[in-house]
N, C-alpha and C. Protein backbone atom coordinates (compact mmCIF):
# COMPACT_ATOMS: atom_id res chain seq x y z
N MET A 1 -56.64 17.84 -23.04
CA MET A 1 -55.55 17.32 -23.86
C MET A 1 -54.27 17.41 -22.80
N LEU A 2 -54.45 18.60 -21.94
CA LEU A 2 -53.47 18.51 -20.84
C LEU A 2 -53.37 17.17 -19.91
N ARG A 3 -54.61 16.72 -19.61
CA ARG A 3 -54.67 15.50 -18.89
C ARG A 3 -54.11 14.35 -19.46
N ARG A 4 -53.86 14.29 -20.83
CA ARG A 4 -53.37 13.33 -21.76
C ARG A 4 -52.10 13.01 -21.40
N TRP A 5 -51.22 14.27 -21.33
CA TRP A 5 -50.02 14.37 -21.11
C TRP A 5 -49.43 14.37 -19.71
N LEU A 6 -50.24 14.40 -18.65
CA LEU A 6 -49.91 14.39 -17.27
C LEU A 6 -49.10 12.99 -17.04
N PRO A 7 -49.67 11.99 -17.29
CA PRO A 7 -48.94 10.74 -16.97
C PRO A 7 -47.26 10.57 -17.67
N VAL A 8 -47.31 11.17 -18.90
CA VAL A 8 -46.09 10.96 -19.59
C VAL A 8 -45.28 12.02 -18.71
N ARG A 9 -45.54 13.23 -18.34
CA ARG A 9 -44.84 13.93 -17.60
C ARG A 9 -44.16 13.29 -16.17
N TRP A 10 -45.14 12.74 -15.55
CA TRP A 10 -44.84 11.95 -14.41
C TRP A 10 -43.74 10.87 -14.72
N LEU A 11 -43.98 10.06 -15.71
CA LEU A 11 -43.12 9.09 -15.93
C LEU A 11 -41.60 9.69 -16.36
N LEU A 12 -41.79 10.78 -17.06
CA LEU A 12 -40.37 11.54 -17.54
C LEU A 12 -39.95 12.12 -15.85
N VAL A 13 -40.38 12.59 -15.22
CA VAL A 13 -39.94 13.02 -13.85
C VAL A 13 -39.36 11.73 -13.18
N VAL A 14 -40.17 10.66 -12.94
CA VAL A 14 -39.55 9.68 -12.24
C VAL A 14 -38.57 8.98 -12.97
N ALA A 15 -38.36 8.99 -14.34
CA ALA A 15 -37.11 8.41 -14.95
C ALA A 15 -35.90 9.26 -14.94
N LEU A 16 -36.24 10.69 -14.74
CA LEU A 16 -34.86 11.51 -14.64
C LEU A 16 -34.58 11.48 -13.05
N ALA A 17 -35.37 11.27 -12.09
CA ALA A 17 -35.10 11.28 -10.62
C ALA A 17 -34.41 10.11 -10.59
N LEU A 18 -34.83 8.81 -11.05
CA LEU A 18 -33.89 7.56 -11.34
C LEU A 18 -32.48 7.61 -11.65
N VAL A 19 -32.40 8.22 -12.86
CA VAL A 19 -31.15 8.25 -13.34
C VAL A 19 -30.27 9.28 -12.50
N THR A 20 -30.70 10.53 -12.00
CA THR A 20 -30.36 11.02 -11.06
C THR A 20 -29.62 10.60 -9.70
N GLY A 21 -30.30 9.75 -9.14
CA GLY A 21 -30.35 9.13 -7.98
C GLY A 21 -28.94 8.01 -8.39
N VAL A 22 -29.22 7.23 -9.23
CA VAL A 22 -28.04 6.21 -9.79
C VAL A 22 -26.76 6.91 -9.74
N ALA A 23 -26.76 8.07 -10.61
CA ALA A 23 -25.58 8.91 -10.91
C ALA A 23 -25.06 9.20 -9.65
N ALA A 24 -25.88 10.04 -8.82
CA ALA A 24 -25.15 10.29 -7.40
C ALA A 24 -24.65 9.39 -6.62
N PHE A 25 -25.32 8.12 -6.58
CA PHE A 25 -24.98 6.93 -5.78
C PHE A 25 -23.30 6.63 -6.22
N VAL A 26 -23.34 6.59 -7.75
CA VAL A 26 -22.14 6.16 -8.27
C VAL A 26 -20.94 6.95 -7.71
N VAL A 27 -21.41 8.41 -7.72
CA VAL A 27 -20.37 9.55 -7.47
C VAL A 27 -19.89 9.48 -5.74
N LEU A 28 -20.98 9.34 -5.03
CA LEU A 28 -20.59 9.09 -3.61
C LEU A 28 -19.89 8.13 -3.39
N PHE A 29 -20.51 6.86 -3.95
CA PHE A 29 -20.00 5.66 -3.55
C PHE A 29 -19.53 4.72 -4.63
N PRO A 30 -18.28 5.25 -5.21
CA PRO A 30 -17.70 4.83 -6.32
C PRO A 30 -17.47 3.13 -5.96
N PRO A 31 -17.23 2.20 -7.18
CA PRO A 31 -17.32 1.26 -7.02
C PRO A 31 -15.72 0.64 -6.26
N GLY A 32 -14.99 1.42 -5.63
CA GLY A 32 -14.03 1.47 -4.93
C GLY A 32 -12.40 1.36 -5.80
N ASP A 33 -11.52 1.52 -4.83
CA ASP A 33 -10.18 1.50 -5.37
C ASP A 33 -9.66 -0.13 -5.53
N ARG A 34 -10.41 -0.67 -5.80
CA ARG A 34 -10.15 -2.45 -6.19
C ARG A 34 -9.72 -2.47 -7.55
N VAL A 35 -8.55 -2.28 -7.71
CA VAL A 35 -7.90 -2.23 -9.26
C VAL A 35 -6.93 -3.33 -9.28
N ALA A 36 -7.03 -3.87 -10.30
CA ALA A 36 -5.92 -5.05 -10.46
C ALA A 36 -4.71 -4.65 -9.95
N GLY A 37 -4.26 -5.58 -9.13
CA GLY A 37 -2.75 -5.47 -8.48
C GLY A 37 -2.68 -4.76 -7.28
N THR A 38 -3.93 -4.14 -6.88
CA THR A 38 -4.15 -3.25 -5.66
C THR A 38 -5.51 -3.78 -5.11
N PRO A 39 -5.78 -4.97 -4.61
CA PRO A 39 -7.06 -5.31 -4.16
C PRO A 39 -7.57 -4.56 -3.16
N VAL A 40 -6.81 -3.74 -2.17
CA VAL A 40 -7.46 -3.06 -1.17
C VAL A 40 -6.09 -2.19 -1.01
N PRO A 41 -6.21 -0.86 -0.53
CA PRO A 41 -5.21 0.06 -0.45
C PRO A 41 -4.36 -0.51 0.84
N TYR A 42 -3.08 -0.36 0.74
CA TYR A 42 -2.38 -1.05 1.89
C TYR A 42 -2.34 -2.32 2.18
N CYS A 43 -2.58 -3.13 1.08
CA CYS A 43 -2.66 -4.71 1.48
C CYS A 43 -1.14 -5.10 1.33
N THR A 44 -0.31 -4.30 0.44
CA THR A 44 0.72 -5.36 0.51
C THR A 44 1.95 -4.68 1.35
N ASP A 45 3.11 -5.40 1.55
CA ASP A 45 4.12 -4.79 2.50
C ASP A 45 5.41 -4.92 1.39
N LEU A 46 5.81 -3.85 1.05
CA LEU A 46 6.99 -4.10 0.09
C LEU A 46 8.06 -3.29 0.78
N HIS A 47 8.96 -3.62 1.16
CA HIS A 47 10.21 -2.96 1.79
C HIS A 47 11.45 -3.32 0.94
N VAL A 48 12.31 -2.03 0.58
CA VAL A 48 13.50 -1.99 -0.05
C VAL A 48 14.58 -1.84 0.89
N LEU A 49 15.50 -2.83 1.05
CA LEU A 49 16.57 -2.59 1.92
C LEU A 49 17.76 -2.02 1.37
N PHE A 50 18.61 -1.67 2.24
CA PHE A 50 19.97 -0.81 1.74
C PHE A 50 21.05 -1.24 2.68
N ASP A 51 22.21 -1.07 2.04
CA ASP A 51 23.46 -1.32 2.88
C ASP A 51 23.86 0.04 3.71
N ALA A 52 23.42 1.05 2.85
CA ALA A 52 23.92 2.71 3.55
C ALA A 52 22.59 3.51 3.58
N ASP A 53 22.56 4.06 4.81
CA ASP A 53 21.63 5.21 4.70
C ASP A 53 21.43 6.30 3.88
N GLU A 54 22.60 6.58 3.24
CA GLU A 54 22.68 7.44 2.33
C GLU A 54 21.94 7.17 0.94
N GLU A 55 22.21 5.89 0.44
CA GLU A 55 21.86 5.48 -0.57
C GLU A 55 20.23 5.05 -0.38
N MET A 56 19.69 4.68 1.03
CA MET A 56 18.31 4.63 1.38
C MET A 56 17.60 6.14 0.95
N ARG A 57 18.18 7.17 1.14
CA ARG A 57 17.63 8.41 0.94
C ARG A 57 17.65 8.66 -0.37
N ARG A 58 18.75 8.47 -1.32
CA ARG A 58 18.54 8.85 -2.63
C ARG A 58 17.69 8.07 -3.21
N VAL A 59 17.39 6.64 -3.05
CA VAL A 59 16.50 5.76 -3.79
C VAL A 59 15.22 6.19 -3.23
N ALA A 60 14.82 6.60 -2.08
CA ALA A 60 13.63 6.89 -1.42
C ALA A 60 13.06 8.36 -2.61
N GLY A 61 13.67 9.28 -2.70
CA GLY A 61 13.44 10.32 -3.43
C GLY A 61 13.36 9.90 -4.86
N GLU A 62 14.08 8.89 -5.44
CA GLU A 62 13.85 8.70 -6.64
C GLU A 62 12.62 7.86 -6.88
N LEU A 63 12.12 7.03 -5.76
CA LEU A 63 11.02 6.36 -5.78
C LEU A 63 9.63 7.19 -5.70
N ARG A 64 9.74 8.18 -4.84
CA ARG A 64 8.94 9.37 -4.92
C ARG A 64 8.28 9.95 -6.10
N ARG A 65 9.32 9.75 -6.98
CA ARG A 65 9.06 10.40 -8.64
C ARG A 65 8.51 9.57 -9.38
N ASP A 66 8.48 8.08 -9.11
CA ASP A 66 8.12 7.14 -9.89
C ASP A 66 6.53 7.11 -9.79
N SER A 67 6.07 6.98 -11.17
CA SER A 67 4.67 6.83 -11.32
C SER A 67 4.15 5.75 -10.92
N ARG A 68 4.79 4.67 -10.67
CA ARG A 68 4.15 3.54 -10.25
C ARG A 68 4.05 3.41 -8.45
N VAL A 69 4.60 4.32 -7.84
CA VAL A 69 4.53 4.67 -6.54
C VAL A 69 3.51 5.50 -5.83
N ARG A 70 2.71 5.33 -5.27
CA ARG A 70 1.75 6.04 -4.51
C ARG A 70 2.50 6.91 -3.42
N GLU A 71 3.32 5.98 -2.69
CA GLU A 71 3.89 6.52 -1.34
C GLU A 71 4.91 5.83 -1.05
N VAL A 72 5.69 6.68 -0.41
CA VAL A 72 7.24 5.99 0.13
C VAL A 72 6.98 6.55 1.67
N ARG A 73 7.02 5.54 2.52
CA ARG A 73 6.94 5.73 3.87
C ARG A 73 8.15 4.85 4.64
N ASP A 74 7.94 5.12 6.00
CA ASP A 74 8.69 4.43 6.95
C ASP A 74 10.04 4.33 6.33
N GLU A 75 10.63 5.20 6.24
CA GLU A 75 12.12 5.57 5.97
C GLU A 75 12.88 5.31 7.34
N ARG A 76 13.68 4.15 7.04
CA ARG A 76 14.41 3.78 8.48
C ARG A 76 15.96 3.73 8.10
N THR A 77 16.67 4.38 9.36
CA THR A 77 18.23 4.09 8.81
C THR A 77 18.62 2.95 9.58
N LYS A 78 19.89 2.67 9.34
CA LYS A 78 20.55 1.32 9.85
C LYS A 78 20.17 1.35 11.51
N ALA A 79 20.57 2.62 12.22
CA ALA A 79 20.39 2.74 13.64
C ALA A 79 19.27 2.59 14.05
N GLU A 80 18.20 3.12 13.18
CA GLU A 80 16.87 3.00 13.66
C GLU A 80 16.41 1.28 13.68
N ASN A 81 16.55 0.70 12.46
CA ASN A 81 16.23 -0.68 12.52
C ASN A 81 17.00 -1.53 13.49
N HIS A 82 17.86 -1.11 13.75
CA HIS A 82 18.87 -1.84 14.59
C HIS A 82 18.21 -1.81 16.17
N GLU A 83 17.82 -0.52 16.39
CA GLU A 83 17.05 -0.29 17.66
C GLU A 83 15.71 -1.13 17.87
N ARG A 84 15.14 -1.04 16.74
CA ARG A 84 13.75 -1.91 16.65
C ARG A 84 14.06 -3.08 16.62
N LEU A 85 14.66 -3.62 15.95
CA LEU A 85 15.45 -5.08 16.07
C LEU A 85 15.54 -5.68 17.64
N THR A 86 16.56 -4.97 18.10
CA THR A 86 16.84 -5.17 19.43
C THR A 86 15.69 -5.27 20.40
N THR A 87 14.82 -4.21 20.50
CA THR A 87 13.96 -3.86 21.08
C THR A 87 12.89 -5.15 21.14
N GLU A 88 12.66 -5.47 20.15
CA GLU A 88 11.58 -6.70 19.77
C GLU A 88 12.23 -7.98 20.14
N LEU A 89 13.61 -8.17 19.89
CA LEU A 89 14.28 -9.14 20.39
C LEU A 89 14.15 -9.56 21.87
N ARG A 90 14.61 -8.52 22.57
CA ARG A 90 14.56 -8.24 23.99
C ARG A 90 13.08 -8.63 24.59
N ALA A 91 12.25 -7.86 24.09
CA ALA A 91 10.53 -8.24 24.43
C ALA A 91 10.18 -9.46 24.27
N SER A 92 10.72 -10.51 23.32
CA SER A 92 10.63 -11.78 23.30
C SER A 92 11.33 -12.70 23.83
N GLY A 93 12.26 -11.86 24.88
CA GLY A 93 13.10 -13.01 25.62
C GLY A 93 14.34 -13.55 24.83
N ARG A 94 14.77 -12.89 23.92
CA ARG A 94 15.90 -13.43 23.00
C ARG A 94 17.04 -12.23 22.92
N ASP A 95 17.27 -12.39 24.50
CA ASP A 95 18.66 -11.34 24.69
C ASP A 95 19.72 -11.76 23.88
N ASP A 96 19.98 -13.10 23.81
CA ASP A 96 21.27 -13.53 23.23
C ASP A 96 21.15 -12.90 21.90
N LEU A 97 20.30 -12.98 21.12
CA LEU A 97 20.20 -12.19 19.87
C LEU A 97 20.33 -10.90 19.63
N ALA A 98 19.60 -10.28 20.61
CA ALA A 98 19.73 -8.73 20.94
C ALA A 98 20.84 -8.10 20.95
N ASP A 99 21.72 -9.11 21.78
CA ASP A 99 23.38 -8.56 22.24
C ASP A 99 24.18 -8.95 20.77
N ALA A 100 23.76 -10.07 20.19
CA ALA A 100 24.79 -10.51 18.84
C ALA A 100 24.50 -9.51 17.65
N ALA A 101 23.41 -8.81 17.70
CA ALA A 101 22.90 -7.91 16.55
C ALA A 101 23.84 -6.67 16.36
N ARG A 102 24.32 -6.63 15.21
CA ARG A 102 25.29 -5.37 15.05
C ARG A 102 24.43 -4.07 14.00
N VAL A 103 24.92 -2.95 14.24
CA VAL A 103 24.18 -1.97 13.30
C VAL A 103 24.41 -2.03 12.21
N GLY A 104 25.76 -2.51 11.90
CA GLY A 104 26.58 -2.57 10.57
C GLY A 104 25.86 -3.69 9.89
N ASP A 105 25.15 -4.79 10.28
CA ASP A 105 24.78 -5.55 9.56
C ASP A 105 23.20 -5.56 9.25
N THR A 106 22.67 -4.55 10.10
CA THR A 106 21.21 -3.99 9.87
C THR A 106 21.01 -3.31 8.68
N PRO A 107 19.76 -3.55 7.57
CA PRO A 107 19.99 -2.67 6.68
C PRO A 107 18.96 -1.48 6.96
N ALA A 108 18.96 -0.56 6.08
CA ALA A 108 18.10 0.73 5.88
C ALA A 108 17.09 0.35 5.27
N THR A 109 16.01 0.60 5.55
CA THR A 109 14.61 0.53 4.85
C THR A 109 13.96 1.49 4.62
N VAL A 110 13.21 1.12 3.04
CA VAL A 110 11.64 2.16 3.25
C VAL A 110 10.82 1.14 2.67
N ARG A 111 9.61 1.52 3.13
CA ARG A 111 8.52 1.06 2.86
C ARG A 111 7.62 1.69 1.46
N VAL A 112 7.48 1.05 0.50
CA VAL A 112 6.84 1.61 -0.66
C VAL A 112 5.49 1.08 -1.08
N ILE A 113 4.41 1.86 -1.10
CA ILE A 113 3.00 1.56 -1.67
C ILE A 113 2.98 2.06 -3.15
N GLU A 114 2.46 1.01 -3.90
CA GLU A 114 2.39 1.08 -5.05
C GLU A 114 1.08 2.04 -5.45
N ALA A 115 1.20 2.35 -6.87
CA ALA A 115 0.21 3.41 -6.98
C ALA A 115 -1.10 2.47 -7.69
N PHE A 116 -2.17 3.16 -7.52
CA PHE A 116 -3.42 1.93 -7.82
C PHE A 116 -3.24 1.61 -9.43
N GLY A 117 -3.64 0.42 -9.59
CA GLY A 117 -3.27 -0.03 -10.92
C GLY A 117 -2.13 -0.83 -11.32
N VAL A 118 -1.07 -0.65 -10.29
CA VAL A 118 0.35 -1.22 -10.37
C VAL A 118 0.12 -2.78 -9.83
N ASP A 119 0.43 -3.63 -10.51
CA ASP A 119 0.67 -5.07 -10.15
C ASP A 119 2.05 -5.17 -8.94
N ALA A 120 1.63 -4.96 -7.90
CA ALA A 120 2.87 -4.78 -6.61
C ALA A 120 3.84 -5.83 -6.75
N GLU A 121 3.43 -7.23 -7.01
CA GLU A 121 4.18 -8.44 -7.09
C GLU A 121 5.06 -8.12 -8.41
N ALA A 122 4.65 -7.72 -9.42
CA ALA A 122 5.66 -7.40 -10.66
C ALA A 122 6.47 -6.33 -10.46
N PHE A 123 6.17 -5.35 -9.75
CA PHE A 123 6.73 -4.26 -9.30
C PHE A 123 7.92 -4.68 -8.39
N ALA A 124 7.97 -5.45 -7.17
CA ALA A 124 8.47 -5.86 -6.24
C ALA A 124 9.84 -6.74 -7.18
N ASP A 125 9.22 -7.47 -8.12
CA ASP A 125 10.31 -8.28 -8.90
C ASP A 125 11.00 -7.56 -9.71
N GLU A 126 10.70 -6.45 -10.14
CA GLU A 126 11.61 -5.44 -10.93
C GLU A 126 12.44 -4.72 -10.21
N LEU A 127 12.21 -4.48 -8.96
CA LEU A 127 12.80 -3.86 -8.03
C LEU A 127 13.85 -4.61 -7.51
N ARG A 128 13.88 -5.68 -7.36
CA ARG A 128 14.81 -7.05 -7.23
C ARG A 128 15.91 -7.17 -7.93
N LEU A 129 15.57 -6.29 -9.31
CA LEU A 129 16.75 -6.38 -10.36
C LEU A 129 17.87 -5.36 -9.69
N GLN A 130 17.53 -4.44 -8.81
CA GLN A 130 18.62 -3.55 -8.58
C GLN A 130 18.70 -3.61 -7.00
N TYR A 131 17.84 -3.90 -6.02
CA TYR A 131 17.81 -3.95 -4.98
C TYR A 131 17.27 -5.26 -4.14
N ARG A 132 17.59 -5.25 -2.79
CA ARG A 132 17.29 -6.35 -1.73
C ARG A 132 15.64 -5.77 -1.58
N VAL A 133 14.65 -6.60 -1.70
CA VAL A 133 13.15 -6.58 -1.31
C VAL A 133 12.64 -7.65 -0.74
N THR A 134 12.11 -7.04 0.27
CA THR A 134 10.84 -8.00 1.04
C THR A 134 9.56 -7.73 0.50
N TYR A 135 8.73 -8.64 0.10
CA TYR A 135 7.30 -8.55 -0.31
C TYR A 135 6.23 -9.49 0.45
N SER A 136 5.28 -8.91 0.84
CA SER A 136 4.15 -10.04 1.02
C SER A 136 2.61 -9.02 0.89
N ASP A 137 1.78 -10.13 0.42
CA ASP A 137 0.55 -9.44 0.42
C ASP A 137 -0.69 -9.90 1.42
N ALA A 138 -0.90 -9.27 2.45
CA ALA A 138 -1.99 -9.63 3.49
C ALA A 138 -3.08 -9.89 2.65
N CYS A 139 -3.70 -9.38 1.70
CA CYS A 139 -5.14 -9.75 1.14
C CYS A 139 -4.92 -10.92 0.49
N GLU A 140 -4.03 -11.23 0.01
CA GLU A 140 -3.86 -12.61 -0.80
C GLU A 140 -3.47 -13.54 0.41
N ASP A 141 -2.63 -13.53 1.32
CA ASP A 141 -2.34 -14.45 2.30
C ASP A 141 -2.57 -13.81 3.71
N PRO A 142 -3.88 -13.80 4.20
CA PRO A 142 -3.91 -13.04 5.43
C PRO A 142 -3.37 -13.59 6.65
N VAL A 143 -2.85 -14.83 6.59
CA VAL A 143 -2.37 -15.40 7.65
C VAL A 143 -0.84 -14.65 8.05
N VAL A 144 -0.42 -14.51 6.83
CA VAL A 144 1.12 -13.74 7.22
C VAL A 144 1.12 -12.55 8.07
N TRP A 145 0.21 -11.78 8.28
CA TRP A 145 0.03 -10.70 9.09
C TRP A 145 -0.80 -11.17 10.51
N GLU A 146 -1.32 -12.06 10.39
CA GLU A 146 -2.20 -12.34 11.76
C GLU A 146 -1.12 -12.59 12.79
N ASP A 147 -0.22 -13.06 12.57
CA ASP A 147 0.62 -13.59 13.68
C ASP A 147 1.09 -12.26 14.16
N GLU A 148 1.50 -10.97 13.48
CA GLU A 148 1.90 -10.01 14.19
C GLU A 148 1.06 -9.16 15.22
N ASP A 149 -0.30 -9.36 15.26
CA ASP A 149 -1.00 -8.88 16.20
C ASP A 149 -0.77 -9.48 17.58
C-alpha cells in the first residue's frame, strides 16, 4: 500500500517545489516598477521654475508632502542657476550670452520626481495652473536627452 502512494507523494513534493519556486521568483524579481505614468523610474524631467528663492523653498516643502511626489531634488537658487548657465554658455563659446545673462532674470528651480502610478505629464499640466513648468519624458522621446551627453 505504501508503494502505491509513493508516486503521489513525489508528485505533491514536485508541485509544492514548483509553486514555492515561482512565488520566490516573483518576490525576488517583481514585474518591476513599470506602472502607468512612470514607465521607468527617473524617466521624466519635470522642473518647476520660480521668480524668488523663498517661493522655491516654500513650494519645495509643499511638494514633499504631496502624495503624488516621490522626491523633490535639485533645489537651485537663482544665483546657482545663473552660475550654472553662464558656465555652460562660456564652455560652449557663447561668452556674449554669458555676459548678457542676469541673476534677476534667471529662475530658481526644483526637480520633481513623480510617485509610482502618477501620470507625470498630467501632473505637470496641473502644476502649470500655478507655476511655470518644464517637462520632458526621455523614455517617450529618448532623442531629447541624447544630445545632453
